[in-house]
Amino acid sequence: MHVAFIDESERDEDFYFLGALVCDETSYQQISRGLDSLLREHSSDPGSSVTLGHELHGHALMQGIGEWKRFHFGNGPASSLRH
């Protein structure tokens, strides 16, 4: 089995851009465990508004905005996500 995650990334007057991640079941399980770990780690921070059931948005994570603004991830906001 393969799993596909599809999301729109941007749109302008002429185009609607989509991004996708397609992976096999083993990779899906590894990705899922990694994202669960990320949420567990950051939801346990006393001042965090991140929760275990939080919906992840790439833009907010990569830019360190919204509920991720408290977390500083090295050079660019998300560089510490690359443990």
Protein backbone atom coordinates (compact mmCIF):
# COMPACT_ATOMS: atom_id res chain seq x y z
CA MET A 1 0.00 0.00 0.00
CA HIS A 2 1.08 3.58 -0.65
CA VAL A 3 -0.09 6.70 1.15
CA ALA A 4 -0.36 10.16 -0.40
CA PHE A 5 -0.49 13.43 1.51
CA ILE A 6 -1.69 16.22 -0.78
CA ASP A 7 -2.02 19.87 0.13
CA GLU A 8 -2.29 23.14 -1.69
CA SER A 9 0.74 25.29 -1.15
CA GLU A 10 -0.13 28.51 -2.93
CA ARG A 11 -2.27 30.07 -5.61
CA ASP A 12 -2.13 33.12 -7.78
CA GLU A 13 -4.27 34.51 -10.61
CA ASP A 14 -3.18 31.84 -13.10
CA PHE A 15 -2.15 28.76 -11.12
CA TYR A 16 -3.11 26.63 -8.15
CA PHE A 17 -0.07 24.86 -6.71
CA LEU A 18 -0.20 21.49 -5.00
CA GLY A 19 2.43 19.61 -3.06
CA ALA A 20 2.41 15.90 -2.36
CA LEU A 21 4.29 13.30 -0.40
CA VAL A 22 3.81 9.71 -1.55
CA CYS A 23 5.33 6.91 0.50
CA ASP A 24 5.03 3.22 1.25
CA GLU A 25 3.45 1.93 4.45
CA THR A 26 6.77 1.50 6.29
CA SER A 27 7.81 5.08 5.54
CA TYR A 28 4.35 6.31 6.49
CA GLN A 29 4.68 4.66 9.91
CA GLN A 30 8.12 6.24 10.44
CA ILE A 31 6.83 9.69 9.42
CA SER A 32 3.78 9.29 11.64
CA ARG A 33 5.92 8.33 14.66
CA GLY A 34 8.23 11.29 14.01
CA LEU A 35 5.36 13.77 13.81
CA ASP A 36 3.76 12.28 16.94
CA SER A 37 7.11 12.70 18.70
CA LEU A 38 7.36 16.33 17.56
CA LEU A 39 3.88 17.05 18.94
CA ARG A 40 4.61 15.24 22.23
CA GLU A 41 7.84 17.17 22.69
CA HIS A 42 6.37 20.60 22.00
CA SER A 43 2.98 20.05 23.67
CA SER A 44 4.77 19.22 26.94
CA ASP A 45 6.41 22.68 26.95
CA PRO A 46 4.53 24.63 29.68
CA GLY A 47 4.07 27.80 27.60
CA SER A 48 3.20 26.06 24.34
CA SER A 49 -0.17 26.28 22.61
CA VAL A 50 0.71 23.13 20.61
CA THR A 51 -1.47 20.13 21.57
CA LEU A 52 -1.17 16.40 20.87
CA GLY A 53 -4.04 16.55 18.38
CA HIS A 54 -2.70 19.69 16.71
CA GLU A 55 -3.01 19.97 12.93
CA LEU A 56 0.44 20.63 11.49
CA HIS A 57 0.91 23.31 8.84
CA GLY A 58 4.24 23.37 7.03
CA HIS A 59 4.31 27.11 6.54
CA ALA A 60 3.86 27.83 10.26
CA LEU A 61 6.51 25.23 11.19
CA MET A 62 9.04 26.40 8.62
CA GLN A 63 8.57 30.10 9.38
CA GLY A 64 8.25 29.76 13.16
CA ILE A 65 4.92 31.61 13.26
CA GLY A 66 1.58 31.06 14.96
CA GLU A 67 1.75 28.39 17.64
CA TRP A 68 5.37 27.69 16.60
CA LYS A 69 6.64 31.26 17.16
CA ARG A 70 8.00 30.35 20.61
CA PHE A 71 10.29 27.72 19.14
CA HIS A 72 13.54 28.81 17.56
CA PHE A 73 14.90 26.20 15.21
CA GLY A 74 18.54 27.12 14.52
CA ASN A 75 19.40 29.02 11.30
CA GLY A 76 15.95 28.97 9.78
CA PRO A 77 12.98 28.38 12.03
CA ALA A 78 12.64 24.66 11.21
CA SER A 79 16.28 23.54 11.17
CA SER A 80 16.03 21.71 14.52
CA LEU A 81 13.29 19.53 13.06
CA ARG A 82 16.12 17.73 11.27
CA HIS A 83 17.33 15.83 14.38
